[in-house]
């Protein structure tokens, strides 16, 4: 399975949730609402989840093995860091930054 696109849908610097992204696989399947979170030990990704009646959060989708989770995390965090670098260079509208053209930021 190949990650064919990572789209940043929301980017914020004010909270622990830094970004919301969509990930496309094989140009045929998309997963929305993957979050980039700033934790105590750095950035990590959180898969889309729902709250159970007991108050727990359960992932709706998730990688089955740690190897694919690492690949997914690396690519999402790289895309996030690229977006932050582009903002620090003064590009306020990421639509002007070609890799993110069309993103809703």
PDB file of N, CA and C in Angstrom:
ATOM      1  N   UNK A   1       0.841  -1.168   0.000  1.00  0.00           N
ATOM      2  CA  UNK A   1       0.000   0.000   0.000  1.00  0.00           C
ATOM      3  C   UNK A   1       0.886   1.231   0.000  1.00  0.00           C
ATOM      4  N   UNK A   2       0.607   2.140  -0.901  1.00  0.00           N
ATOM      5  CA  UNK A   2       1.407   3.343  -1.048  1.00  0.00           C
ATOM      6  C   UNK A   2       0.621   4.573  -0.598  1.00  0.00           C
ATOM      7  N   UNK A   3       1.283   5.450   0.146  1.00  0.00           N
ATOM      8  CA  UNK A   3       0.697   6.737   0.515  1.00  0.00           C
ATOM      9  C   UNK A   3       0.898   7.649  -0.685  1.00  0.00           C
ATOM     10  N   UNK A   4      -0.199   8.048  -1.332  1.00  0.00           N
ATOM     11  CA  UNK A   4      -0.082   8.832  -2.556  1.00  0.00           C
ATOM     12  C   UNK A   4      -0.346  10.315  -2.343  1.00  0.00           C
ATOM     13  N   UNK A   5      -0.933  10.689  -1.201  1.00  0.00           N
ATOM     14  CA  UNK A   5      -1.154  12.112  -0.932  1.00  0.00           C
ATOM     15  C   UNK A   5      -1.394  12.318   0.549  1.00  0.00           C
ATOM     16  N   UNK A   6      -0.863  13.412   1.060  1.00  0.00           N
ATOM     17  CA  UNK A   6      -1.147  13.865   2.417  1.00  0.00           C
ATOM     18  C   UNK A   6      -1.547  15.321   2.305  1.00  0.00           C
ATOM     19  N   UNK A   7      -2.768  15.635   2.706  1.00  0.00           N
ATOM     20  CA  UNK A   7      -3.307  16.980   2.586  1.00  0.00           C
ATOM     21  C   UNK A   7      -3.546  17.565   3.972  1.00  0.00           C
ATOM     22  N   UNK A   8      -2.957  18.714   4.230  1.00  0.00           N
ATOM     23  CA  UNK A   8      -3.188  19.394   5.499  1.00  0.00           C
ATOM     24  C   UNK A   8      -4.490  20.165   5.384  1.00  0.00           C
ATOM     25  N   UNK A   9      -5.450  19.845   6.241  1.00  0.00           N
ATOM     26  CA  UNK A   9      -6.772  20.481   6.217  1.00  0.00           C
ATOM     27  C   UNK A   9      -6.868  21.638   7.196  1.00  0.00           C
ATOM     28  N   UNK A  10      -6.156  21.532   8.303  1.00  0.00           N
ATOM     29  CA  UNK A  10      -6.184  22.580   9.315  1.00  0.00           C
ATOM     30  C   UNK A  10      -4.814  22.625   9.956  1.00  0.00           C
ATOM     31  N   UNK A  11      -4.332  23.830  10.224  1.00  0.00           N
ATOM     32  CA  UNK A  11      -3.026  24.014  10.831  1.00  0.00           C
ATOM     33  C   UNK A  11      -3.166  25.068  11.913  1.00  0.00           C
ATOM     34  N   UNK A  12      -2.716  24.766  13.121  1.00  0.00           N
ATOM     35  CA  UNK A  12      -2.800  25.719  14.220  1.00  0.00           C
ATOM     36  C   UNK A  12      -1.536  25.643  15.057  1.00  0.00           C
ATOM     37  N   UNK A  13      -1.164  26.761  15.632  1.00  0.00           N
ATOM     38  CA  UNK A  13       0.012  26.800  16.493  1.00  0.00           C
ATOM     39  C   UNK A  13      -0.374  27.020  17.944  1.00  0.00           C
ATOM     40  N   UNK A  14      -1.654  27.290  18.211  1.00  0.00           N
ATOM     41  CA  UNK A  14      -2.093  27.705  19.541  1.00  0.00           C
ATOM     42  C   UNK A  14      -2.414  26.569  20.495  1.00  0.00           C
ATOM     43  N   UNK A  15      -2.591  25.366  20.032  1.00  0.00           N
ATOM     44  CA  UNK A  15      -3.003  24.282  20.928  1.00  0.00           C
ATOM     45  C   UNK A  15      -2.101  23.072  20.746  1.00  0.00           C
ATOM     46  N   UNK A  16      -2.349  22.051  21.546  1.00  0.00           N
ATOM     47  CA  UNK A  16      -1.568  20.812  21.412  1.00  0.00           C
ATOM     48  C   UNK A  16      -1.896  20.069  20.121  1.00  0.00           C
ATOM     49  N   UNK A  17      -3.122  20.250  19.600  1.00  0.00           N
ATOM     50  CA  UNK A  17      -3.461  19.679  18.303  1.00  0.00           C
ATOM     51  C   UNK A  17      -2.928  20.647  17.242  1.00  0.00           C
ATOM     52  N   UNK A  18      -1.905  20.231  16.531  1.00  0.00           N
ATOM     53  CA  UNK A  18      -1.202  21.120  15.605  1.00  0.00           C
ATOM     54  C   UNK A  18      -1.770  21.104  14.198  1.00  0.00           C
ATOM     55  N   UNK A  19      -2.335  19.970  13.768  1.00  0.00           N
ATOM     56  CA  UNK A  19      -2.850  19.885  12.398  1.00  0.00           C
ATOM     57  C   UNK A  19      -3.863  18.757  12.297  1.00  0.00           C
ATOM     58  N   UNK A  20      -4.720  18.892  11.289  1.00  0.00           N
ATOM     59  CA  UNK A  20      -5.638  17.835  10.895  1.00  0.00           C
ATOM     60  C   UNK A  20      -5.346  17.542   9.437  1.00  0.00           C
ATOM     61  N   UNK A  21      -5.120  16.278   9.111  1.00  0.00           N
ATOM     62  CA  UNK A  21      -4.727  15.913   7.755  1.00  0.00           C
ATOM     63  C   UNK A  21      -5.610  14.806   7.197  1.00  0.00           C
ATOM     64  N   UNK A  22      -5.591  14.706   5.874  1.00  0.00           N
ATOM     65  CA  UNK A  22      -6.210  13.588   5.163  1.00  0.00           C
ATOM     66  C   UNK A  22      -5.101  12.847   4.437  1.00  0.00           C
ATOM     67  N   UNK A  23      -5.174  11.524   4.443  1.00  0.00           N
ATOM     68  CA  UNK A  23      -4.150  10.692   3.816  1.00  0.00           C
ATOM     69  C   UNK A  23      -4.812   9.816   2.764  1.00  0.00           C
ATOM     70  N   UNK A  24      -4.264   9.874   1.542  1.00  0.00           N
ATOM     71  CA  UNK A  24      -4.783   9.054   0.447  1.00  0.00           C
ATOM     72  C   UNK A  24      -3.827   7.895   0.196  1.00  0.00           C
ATOM     73  N   UNK A  25      -4.399   6.710   0.006  1.00  0.00           N
ATOM     74  CA  UNK A  25      -3.634   5.494  -0.261  1.00  0.00           C
ATOM     75  C   UNK A  25      -3.949   4.996  -1.662  1.00  0.00           C
ATOM     76  N   UNK A  26      -2.906   4.710  -2.416  1.00  0.00           N
ATOM     77  CA  UNK A  26      -3.036   4.135  -3.764  1.00  0.00           C
ATOM     78  C   UNK A  26      -3.990   4.929  -4.660  1.00  0.00           C
ATOM     79  N   UNK A  27      -4.115   6.216  -4.437  1.00  0.00           N
ATOM     80  CA  UNK A  27      -5.026   7.079  -5.206  1.00  0.00           C
ATOM     81  C   UNK A  27      -6.453   6.542  -5.220  1.00  0.00           C
ATOM     82  N   UNK A  28      -6.819   5.733  -4.204  1.00  0.00           N
ATOM     83  CA  UNK A  28      -8.135   5.098  -4.217  1.00  0.00           C
ATOM     84  C   UNK A  28      -8.866   5.133  -2.883  1.00  0.00           C
ATOM     85  N   UNK A  29      -8.173   5.387  -1.782  1.00  0.00           N
ATOM     86  CA  UNK A  29      -8.798   5.310  -0.470  1.00  0.00           C
ATOM     87  C   UNK A  29      -8.248   6.449   0.379  1.00  0.00           C
ATOM     88  N   UNK A  30      -9.143   7.183   1.057  1.00  0.00           N
ATOM     89  CA  UNK A  30      -8.704   8.316   1.865  1.00  0.00           C
ATOM     90  C   UNK A  30      -9.162   8.149   3.307  1.00  0.00           C
ATOM     91  N   UNK A  31      -8.296   8.573   4.219  1.00  0.00           N
ATOM     92  CA  UNK A  31      -8.616   8.613   5.642  1.00  0.00           C
ATOM     93  C   UNK A  31      -8.532  10.070   6.075  1.00  0.00           C
ATOM     94  N   UNK A  32      -9.657  10.604   6.569  1.00  0.00           N
ATOM     95  CA  UNK A  32      -9.724  11.992   7.032  1.00  0.00           C
ATOM     96  C   UNK A  32      -9.531  12.051   8.545  1.00  0.00           C
ATOM     97  N   UNK A  33      -9.244  13.252   9.015  1.00  0.00           N
ATOM     98  CA  UNK A  33      -9.194  13.564  10.452  1.00  0.00           C
ATOM     99  C   UNK A  33      -8.074  12.868  11.213  1.00  0.00           C
ATOM    100  N   UNK A  34      -6.945  12.656  10.566  1.00  0.00           N
ATOM    101  CA  UNK A  34      -5.745  12.227  11.272  1.00  0.00           C
ATOM    102  C   UNK A  34      -5.152  13.487  11.889  1.00  0.00           C
ATOM    103  N   UNK A  35      -4.830  13.434  13.162  1.00  0.00           N
ATOM    104  CA  UNK A  35      -4.366  14.634  13.864  1.00  0.00           C
ATOM    105  C   UNK A  35      -2.877  14.568  14.165  1.00  0.00           C
ATOM    106  N   UNK A  36      -2.219  15.722  14.086  1.00  0.00           N
ATOM    107  CA  UNK A  36      -0.846  15.873  14.543  1.00  0.00           C
ATOM    108  C   UNK A  36      -0.945  16.517  15.923  1.00  0.00           C
ATOM    109  N   UNK A  37      -0.405  15.836  16.922  1.00  0.00           N
ATOM    110  CA  UNK A  37      -0.517  16.255  18.321  1.00  0.00           C
ATOM    111  C   UNK A  37       0.877  16.497  18.888  1.00  0.00           C
ATOM    112  N   UNK A  38       0.990  17.551  19.712  1.00  0.00           N
ATOM    113  CA  UNK A  38       2.229  17.796  20.441  1.00  0.00           C
ATOM    114  C   UNK A  38       2.086  17.172  21.828  1.00  0.00           C
ATOM    115  N   UNK A  39       2.828  16.099  22.069  1.00  0.00           N
ATOM    116  CA  UNK A  39       2.784  15.412  23.349  1.00  0.00           C
ATOM    117  C   UNK A  39       3.986  15.756  24.205  1.00  0.00           C
ATOM    118  N   UNK A  40       4.089  15.095  25.332  1.00  0.00           N
ATOM    119  CA  UNK A  40       5.201  15.344  26.255  1.00  0.00           C
ATOM    120  C   UNK A  40       6.551  14.950  25.668  1.00  0.00           C
ATOM    121  N   UNK A  41       6.546  14.023  24.705  1.00  0.00           N
ATOM    122  CA  UNK A  41       7.798  13.540  24.109  1.00  0.00           C
ATOM    123  C   UNK A  41       7.918  13.915  22.643  1.00  0.00           C
ATOM    124  N   UNK A  42       7.229  14.968  22.224  1.00  0.00           N
ATOM    125  CA  UNK A  42       7.313  15.419  20.838  1.00  0.00           C
ATOM    126  C   UNK A  42       6.023  15.188  20.072  1.00  0.00           C
ATOM    127  N   UNK A  43       6.121  15.377  18.756  1.00  0.00           N
ATOM    128  CA  UNK A  43       4.952  15.247  17.889  1.00  0.00           C
ATOM    129  C   UNK A  43       4.618  13.786  17.613  1.00  0.00           C
ATOM    130  N   UNK A  44       3.325  13.506  17.490  1.00  0.00           N
ATOM    131  CA  UNK A  44       2.872  12.186  17.081  1.00  0.00           C
ATOM    132  C   UNK A  44       1.568  12.333  16.326  1.00  0.00           C
ATOM    133  N   UNK A  45       1.163  11.284  15.613  1.00  0.00           N
ATOM    134  CA  UNK A  45      -0.114  11.324  14.914  1.00  0.00           C
ATOM    135  C   UNK A  45      -1.136  10.505  15.692  1.00  0.00           C
ATOM    136  N   UNK A  46      -2.379  10.971  15.647  1.00  0.00           N
ATOM    137  CA  UNK A  46      -3.503  10.258  16.260  1.00  0.00           C
ATOM    138  C   UNK A  46      -4.496   9.941  15.158  1.00  0.00           C
ATOM    139  N   UNK A  47      -4.873   8.696  15.090  1.00  0.00           N
ATOM    140  CA  UNK A  47      -5.812   8.257  14.062  1.00  0.00           C
ATOM    141  C   UNK A  47      -7.228   8.716  14.426  1.00  0.00           C
ATOM    142  N   UNK A  48      -8.128   8.795  13.436  1.00  0.00           N
ATOM    143  CA  UNK A  48      -9.509   9.195  13.730  1.00  0.00           C
ATOM    144  C   UNK A  48     -10.128   8.218  14.738  1.00  0.00           C
ATOM    145  N   UNK A  49     -10.893   8.766  15.663  1.00  0.00           N
ATOM    146  CA  UNK A  49     -11.476   7.918  16.703  1.00  0.00           C
ATOM    147  C   UNK A  49     -12.889   8.377  17.032  1.00  0.00           C
ATOM    148  N   UNK A  50     -13.565   7.545  17.800  1.00  0.00           N
ATOM    149  CA  UNK A  50     -14.896   7.898  18.290  1.00  0.00           C
ATOM    150  C   UNK A  50     -14.939   7.569  19.768  1.00  0.00           C
ATOM    151  N   UNK A  51     -15.827   8.249  20.463  1.00  0.00           N
ATOM    152  CA  UNK A  51     -15.973   8.030  21.893  1.00  0.00           C
ATOM    153  C   UNK A  51     -17.036   6.967  22.139  1.00  0.00           C
ATOM    154  N   UNK A  52     -16.713   5.994  22.965  1.00  0.00           N
ATOM    155  CA  UNK A  52     -17.660   4.931  23.290  1.00  0.00           C
ATOM    156  C   UNK A  52     -18.599   5.415  24.402  1.00  0.00           C
ATOM    157  N   UNK A  53     -19.708   4.734  24.614  1.00  0.00           N
ATOM    158  CA  UNK A  53     -20.610   5.111  25.717  1.00  0.00           C
ATOM    159  C   UNK A  53     -19.917   5.085  27.090  1.00  0.00           C
ATOM    160  N   UNK A  54     -18.841   4.303  27.208  1.00  0.00           N
ATOM    161  CA  UNK A  54     -18.092   4.235  28.468  1.00  0.00           C
ATOM    162  C   UNK A  54     -17.091   5.386  28.619  1.00  0.00           C
ATOM    163  N   UNK A  55     -16.993   6.233  27.603  1.00  0.00           N
ATOM    164  CA  UNK A  55     -16.096   7.380  27.670  1.00  0.00           C
ATOM    165  C   UNK A  55     -14.709   7.141  27.111  1.00  0.00           C
ATOM    166  N   UNK A  56     -14.445   5.941  26.630  1.00  0.00           N
ATOM    167  CA  UNK A  56     -13.152   5.639  26.016  1.00  0.00           C
ATOM    168  C   UNK A  56     -13.147   6.108  24.564  1.00  0.00           C
ATOM    169  N   UNK A  57     -11.948   6.361  24.042  1.00  0.00           N
ATOM    170  CA  UNK A  57     -11.814   6.672  22.625  1.00  0.00           C
ATOM    171  C   UNK A  57     -11.237   5.459  21.910  1.00  0.00           C
ATOM    172  N   UNK A  58     -11.863   5.060  20.820  1.00  0.00           N
ATOM    173  CA  UNK A  58     -11.418   3.915  20.023  1.00  0.00           C
ATOM    174  C   UNK A  58     -11.116   4.393  18.608  1.00  0.00           C
ATOM    175  N   UNK A  59      -9.958   3.977  18.086  1.00  0.00           N
ATOM    176  CA  UNK A  59      -9.610   4.322  16.703  1.00  0.00           C
ATOM    177  C   UNK A  59     -10.624   3.710  15.743  1.00  0.00           C
ATOM    178  N   UNK A  60     -11.008   4.497  14.743  1.00  0.00           N
ATOM    179  CA  UNK A  60     -11.895   4.003  13.694  1.00  0.00           C
ATOM    180  C   UNK A  60     -11.085   3.217  12.669  1.00  0.00           C
ATOM    181  N   UNK A  61      -9.925   3.736  12.325  1.00  0.00           N
ATOM    182  CA  UNK A  61      -8.973   3.060  11.439  1.00  0.00           C
ATOM    183  C   UNK A  61      -7.592   3.185  12.073  1.00  0.00           C
ATOM    184  N   UNK A  62      -6.727   2.227  11.781  1.00  0.00           N
ATOM    185  CA  UNK A  62      -5.374   2.302  12.328  1.00  0.00           C
ATOM    186  C   UNK A  62      -4.468   1.310  11.602  1.00  0.00           C
ATOM    187  N   UNK A  63      -3.159   1.590  11.599  1.00  0.00           N
ATOM    188  CA  UNK A  63      -2.212   0.634  11.021  1.00  0.00           C
ATOM    189  C   UNK A  63      -2.231  -0.659  11.838  1.00  0.00           C
ATOM    190  N   UNK A  64      -2.016  -1.766  11.179  1.00  0.00           N
ATOM    191  CA  UNK A  64      -2.026  -3.062  11.854  1.00  0.00           C
ATOM    192  C   UNK A  64      -0.667  -3.383  12.482  1.00  0.00           C
ATOM    193  N   UNK A  65       0.410  -2.841  11.894  1.00  0.00           N
ATOM    194  CA  UNK A  65       1.731  -3.145  12.460  1.00  0.00           C
ATOM    195  C   UNK A  65       2.545  -1.876  12.673  1.00  0.00           C
ATOM    196  N   UNK A  66       3.552  -1.986  13.516  1.00  0.00           N
ATOM    197  CA  UNK A  66       4.354  -0.813  13.882  1.00  0.00           C
ATOM    198  C   UNK A  66       5.200  -0.297  12.723  1.00  0.00           C
ATOM    199  N   UNK A  67       5.595  -1.170  11.796  1.00  0.00           N
ATOM    200  CA  UNK A  67       6.387  -0.725  10.645  1.00  0.00           C
ATOM    201  C   UNK A  67       5.599   0.262   9.798  1.00  0.00           C
ATOM    202  N   UNK A  68       4.339  -0.091   9.491  1.00  0.00           N
ATOM    203  CA  UNK A  68       3.537   0.825   8.683  1.00  0.00           C
ATOM    204  C   UNK A  68       3.172   2.079   9.475  1.00  0.00           C
ATOM    205  N   UNK A  69       2.942   1.946  10.786  1.00  0.00           N
ATOM    206  CA  UNK A  69       2.656   3.123  11.611  1.00  0.00           C
ATOM    207  C   UNK A  69       3.843   4.087  11.559  1.00  0.00           C
ATOM    208  N   UNK A  70       5.058   3.566  11.630  1.00  0.00           N
ATOM    209  CA  UNK A  70       6.252   4.416  11.569  1.00  0.00           C
ATOM    210  C   UNK A  70       6.355   5.122  10.224  1.00  0.00           C
ATOM    211  N   UNK A  71       6.096   4.410   9.135  1.00  0.00           N
ATOM    212  CA  UNK A  71       6.138   5.015   7.791  1.00  0.00           C
ATOM    213  C   UNK A  71       5.094   6.125   7.692  1.00  0.00           C
ATOM    214  N   UNK A  72       3.879   5.841   8.131  1.00  0.00           N
ATOM    215  CA  UNK A  72       2.792   6.808   8.096  1.00  0.00           C
ATOM    216  C   UNK A  72       3.138   8.043   8.925  1.00  0.00           C
ATOM    217  N   UNK A  73       3.612   7.812  10.121  1.00  0.00           N
ATOM    218  CA  UNK A  73       3.970   8.911  11.017  1.00  0.00           C
ATOM    219  C   UNK A  73       5.081   9.772  10.421  1.00  0.00           C
ATOM    220  N   UNK A  74       6.125   9.142   9.899  1.00  0.00           N
ATOM    221  CA  UNK A  74       7.237   9.881   9.281  1.00  0.00           C
ATOM    222  C   UNK A  74       6.752  10.801   8.170  1.00  0.00           C
ATOM    223  N   UNK A  75       5.908  10.277   7.285  1.00  0.00           N
ATOM    224  CA  UNK A  75       5.465  11.061   6.142  1.00  0.00           C
ATOM    225  C   UNK A  75       4.514  12.186   6.551  1.00  0.00           C
ATOM    226  N   UNK A  76       3.609  11.916   7.473  1.00  0.00           N
ATOM    227  CA  UNK A  76       2.684  12.955   7.928  1.00  0.00           C
ATOM    228  C   UNK A  76       3.445  14.056   8.651  1.00  0.00           C
ATOM    229  N   UNK A  77       4.355  13.684   9.548  1.00  0.00           N
ATOM    230  CA  UNK A  77       5.111  14.694  10.287  1.00  0.00           C
ATOM    231  C   UNK A  77       6.040  15.486   9.364  1.00  0.00           C
ATOM    232  N   UNK A  78       6.587  14.870   8.340  1.00  0.00           N
ATOM    233  CA  UNK A  78       7.408  15.597   7.370  1.00  0.00           C
ATOM    234  C   UNK A  78       6.567  16.640   6.637  1.00  0.00           C
ATOM    235  N   UNK A  79       5.363  16.278   6.240  1.00  0.00           N
ATOM    236  CA  UNK A  79       4.465  17.214   5.559  1.00  0.00           C
ATOM    237  C   UNK A  79       4.092  18.361   6.497  1.00  0.00           C
ATOM    238  N   UNK A  80       3.817  18.043   7.748  1.00  0.00           N
ATOM    239  CA  UNK A  80       3.503  19.069   8.745  1.00  0.00           C
ATOM    240  C   UNK A  80       4.683  20.029   8.923  1.00  0.00           C
ATOM    241  N   UNK A  81       5.875  19.490   9.063  1.00  0.00           N
ATOM    242  CA  UNK A  81       7.060  20.333   9.246  1.00  0.00           C
ATOM    243  C   UNK A  81       7.327  21.203   8.024  1.00  0.00           C
ATOM    244  N   UNK A  82       7.073  20.694   6.825  1.00  0.00           N
ATOM    245  CA  UNK A  82       7.188  21.503   5.604  1.00  0.00           C
ATOM    246  C   UNK A  82       6.222  22.681   5.650  1.00  0.00           C
ATOM    247  N   UNK A  83       5.005  22.427   6.109  1.00  0.00           N
ATOM    248  CA  UNK A  83       4.001  23.494   6.192  1.00  0.00           C
ATOM    249  C   UNK A  83       4.430  24.559   7.198  1.00  0.00           C
ATOM    250  N   UNK A  84       4.963  24.141   8.329  1.00  0.00           N
ATOM    251  CA  UNK A  84       5.438  25.094   9.337  1.00  0.00           C
ATOM    252  C   UNK A  84       6.603  25.914   8.794  1.00  0.00           C
ATOM    253  N   UNK A  85       7.532  25.256   8.091  1.00  0.00           N
ATOM    254  CA  UNK A  85       8.665  25.988   7.492  1.00  0.00           C
ATOM    255  C   UNK A  85       8.173  27.012   6.483  1.00  0.00           C
ATOM    256  N   UNK A  86       7.180  26.657   5.690  1.00  0.00           N
ATOM    257  CA  UNK A  86       6.677  27.600   4.692  1.00  0.00           C
ATOM    258  C   UNK A  86       6.038  28.802   5.370  1.00  0.00           C
ATOM    259  N   UNK A  87       5.348  28.584   6.486  1.00  0.00           N
ATOM    260  CA  UNK A  87       4.769  29.704   7.225  1.00  0.00           C
ATOM    261  C   UNK A  87       5.847  30.593   7.817  1.00  0.00           C
ATOM    262  N   UNK A  88       6.924  29.978   8.316  1.00  0.00           N
ATOM    263  CA  UNK A  88       8.001  30.767   8.911  1.00  0.00           C
ATOM    264  C   UNK A  88       8.754  31.580   7.860  1.00  0.00           C
ATOM    265  N   UNK A  89       8.656  31.165   6.591  1.00  0.00           N
ATOM    266  CA  UNK A  89       9.268  31.931   5.499  1.00  0.00           C
ATOM    267  C   UNK A  89       8.359  33.061   5.034  1.00  0.00           C
ATOM    268  N   UNK A  90       7.230  33.207   5.692  1.00  0.00           N
ATOM    269  CA  UNK A  90       6.358  34.324   5.369  1.00  0.00           C
ATOM    270  C   UNK A  90       5.261  34.011   4.378  1.00  0.00           C
ATOM    271  N   UNK A  91       5.050  32.762   4.065  1.00  0.00           N
ATOM    272  CA  UNK A  91       3.946  32.412   3.180  1.00  0.00           C
ATOM    273  C   UNK A  91       2.724  32.209   4.062  1.00  0.00           C
ATOM    274  N   UNK A  92       1.885  33.243   4.154  1.00  0.00           N
ATOM    275  CA  UNK A  92       0.712  33.176   5.019  1.00  0.00           C
ATOM    276  C   UNK A  92      -0.379  32.299   4.432  1.00  0.00           C
ATOM    277  N   UNK A  93      -0.478  32.285   3.123  1.00  0.00           N
ATOM    278  CA  UNK A  93      -1.509  31.495   2.460  1.00  0.00           C
ATOM    279  C   UNK A  93      -0.829  30.312   1.804  1.00  0.00           C
ATOM    280  N   UNK A  94      -1.040  29.120   2.344  1.00  0.00           N
ATOM    281  CA  UNK A  94      -0.344  27.956   1.800  1.00  0.00           C
ATOM    282  C   UNK A  94      -0.802  27.609   0.396  1.00  0.00           C
ATOM    283  N   UNK A  95      -1.892  28.250  -0.091  1.00  0.00           N
ATOM    284  CA  UNK A  95      -2.281  28.044  -1.483  1.00  0.00           C
ATOM    285  C   UNK A  95      -1.196  28.564  -2.424  1.00  0.00           C
ATOM    286  N   UNK A  96      -0.369  29.498  -1.926  1.00  0.00           N
ATOM    287  CA  UNK A  96       0.719  30.039  -2.734  1.00  0.00           C
ATOM    288  C   UNK A  96       1.928  29.105  -2.734  1.00  0.00           C
ATOM    289  N   UNK A  97       1.955  28.158  -1.836  1.00  0.00           N
ATOM    290  CA  UNK A  97       3.056  27.222  -1.700  1.00  0.00           C
ATOM    291  C   UNK A  97       2.661  25.947  -2.420  1.00  0.00           C
ATOM    292  N   UNK A  98       3.272  25.675  -3.541  1.00  0.00           N
ATOM    293  CA  UNK A  98       2.800  24.657  -4.477  1.00  0.00           C
ATOM    294  C   UNK A  98       2.455  23.301  -3.869  1.00  0.00           C
ATOM    295  N   UNK A  99       3.267  22.710  -2.985  1.00  0.00           N
ATOM    296  CA  UNK A  99       2.882  21.388  -2.483  1.00  0.00           C
ATOM    297  C   UNK A  99       1.548  21.359  -1.746  1.00  0.00           C
ATOM    298  N   UNK A 100       1.045  22.522  -1.327  1.00  0.00           N
ATOM    299  CA  UNK A 100      -0.183  22.561  -0.560  1.00  0.00           C
ATOM    300  C   UNK A 100      -1.305  23.289  -1.281  1.00  0.00           C
ATOM    301  N   UNK A 101      -1.162  23.503  -2.588  1.00  0.00           N
ATOM    302  CA  UNK A 101      -2.189  24.211  -3.348  1.00  0.00           C
ATOM    303  C   UNK A 101      -3.539  23.531  -3.175  1.00  0.00           C
ATOM    304  N   UNK A 102      -4.543  24.314  -2.804  1.00  0.00           N
ATOM    305  CA  UNK A 102      -5.887  23.787  -2.630  1.00  0.00           C
ATOM    306  C   UNK A 102      -6.206  23.319  -1.229  1.00  0.00           C
ATOM    307  N   UNK A 103      -5.233  23.293  -0.326  1.00  0.00           N
ATOM    308  CA  UNK A 103      -5.504  22.870   1.038  1.00  0.00           C
ATOM    309  C   UNK A 103      -6.343  23.918   1.755  1.00  0.00           C
ATOM    310  N   UNK A 104      -7.147  23.472   2.695  1.00  0.00           N
ATOM    311  CA  UNK A 104      -7.921  24.373   3.526  1.00  0.00           C
ATOM    312  C   UNK A 104      -7.149  24.595   4.809  1.00  0.00           C
ATOM    313  N   UNK A 105      -6.497  25.721   4.905  1.00  0.00           N
ATOM    314  CA  UNK A 105      -5.681  26.021   6.085  1.00  0.00           C
ATOM    315  C   UNK A 105      -6.323  27.125   6.884  1.00  0.00           C
TER     316      UNK A 105
END
